[in-house]
Amino acid sequence: MSQAFVKEHDEQWLHEISPTVPALINYLTRENNGIRVYEVKSEKPAEGKTLHHMSNGLVYFVNDQSQWEIKW
């Protein structure tokens, strides 16, 4: 007899997302119950990290480990 493995939660964390804007948009849209989240603007301040201002009101950037983070 075989047993099927059923995953209880299909969750993914922000830091697990590919460090691309399309991957971030897909992730944020999924987390927003399918309501599209889009990039409002991007900027590259003096410290060198590109900041992505998203329509959900938060600002995201890719850290030195190539992982997405929220700018606080």
Protein backbone atom coordinates (compact mmCIF):
# COMPACT_ATOMS: atom_id res chain seq x y z
CA MET A 1 0.00 0.00 0.00
CA SER A 2 1.19 3.48 -0.75
CA GLN A 3 0.56 6.54 1.32
CA ALA A 4 0.19 9.98 -0.17
CA PHE A 5 1.99 12.80 1.55
CA VAL A 6 -0.38 15.70 2.08
CA LYS A 7 1.18 19.05 2.78
CA GLU A 8 -0.85 20.83 5.43
CA HIS A 9 0.29 24.35 4.55
CA ASP A 10 1.54 25.55 1.21
CA GLU A 11 3.17 28.62 2.71
CA GLN A 12 6.20 30.35 1.35
CA TRP A 13 8.18 33.03 3.16
CA LEU A 14 9.29 36.35 1.68
CA HIS A 15 12.98 35.43 1.99
CA GLU A 16 12.35 32.24 -0.07
CA ILE A 17 11.14 34.18 -3.13
CA SER A 18 13.44 34.61 -6.12
CA PRO A 19 15.10 38.07 -5.98
CA THR A 20 13.21 39.41 -9.03
CA VAL A 21 10.41 41.95 -9.18
CA PRO A 22 8.02 39.61 -11.07
CA ALA A 23 8.52 36.94 -8.40
CA LEU A 24 7.85 39.54 -5.67
CA ILE A 25 4.67 40.70 -7.45
CA ASN A 26 3.42 37.11 -7.78
CA TYR A 27 4.15 36.40 -4.11
CA LEU A 28 2.51 39.60 -2.83
CA THR A 29 -0.54 39.05 -5.04
CA ARG A 30 -0.92 35.51 -3.69
CA GLU A 31 -0.58 36.79 -0.12
CA ASN A 32 -3.17 39.48 -0.89
CA ASN A 33 -5.86 36.87 -1.72
CA GLY A 34 -5.35 37.28 -5.46
CA ILE A 35 -5.74 41.06 -5.52
CA ARG A 36 -2.90 42.30 -7.71
CA VAL A 37 -0.04 44.11 -6.03
CA TYR A 38 2.14 46.19 -8.34
CA GLU A 39 5.26 48.31 -8.20
CA VAL A 40 4.44 52.00 -7.75
CA LYS A 41 8.02 53.22 -8.13
CA SER A 42 11.60 52.19 -7.57
CA GLU A 43 14.55 54.22 -6.42
CA LYS A 44 18.23 53.65 -5.79
CA PRO A 45 19.38 55.77 -2.82
CA ALA A 46 22.99 56.44 -1.88
CA GLU A 47 23.46 53.13 -0.01
CA GLY A 48 23.03 51.29 -3.30
CA LYS A 49 20.06 48.96 -2.67
CA THR A 50 17.17 49.45 -5.08
CA LEU A 51 13.99 50.16 -3.15
CA HIS A 52 10.72 48.91 -4.63
CA HIS A 53 7.64 50.83 -3.45
CA MET A 54 4.69 48.49 -3.86
CA SER A 55 0.95 49.22 -4.02
CA ASN A 56 0.44 47.48 -0.66
CA GLY A 57 2.17 50.46 0.98
CA LEU A 58 5.42 48.67 1.85
CA VAL A 59 8.94 49.11 0.48
CA TYR A 60 11.01 46.04 -0.40
CA PHE A 61 14.66 45.50 -1.28
CA VAL A 62 17.02 42.60 -1.98
CA ASN A 63 19.61 42.17 0.79
CA ASP A 64 23.25 41.01 0.50
CA GLN A 65 22.11 37.36 0.69
CA SER A 66 19.86 37.85 -2.39
CA GLN A 67 16.71 37.66 -0.27
CA TRP A 68 13.76 40.05 -0.22
CA GLU A 69 13.33 42.21 2.88
CA ILE A 70 10.88 44.89 3.94
CA LYS A 71 12.43 48.31 4.60
CA TRP A 72 11.40 49.55 8.04
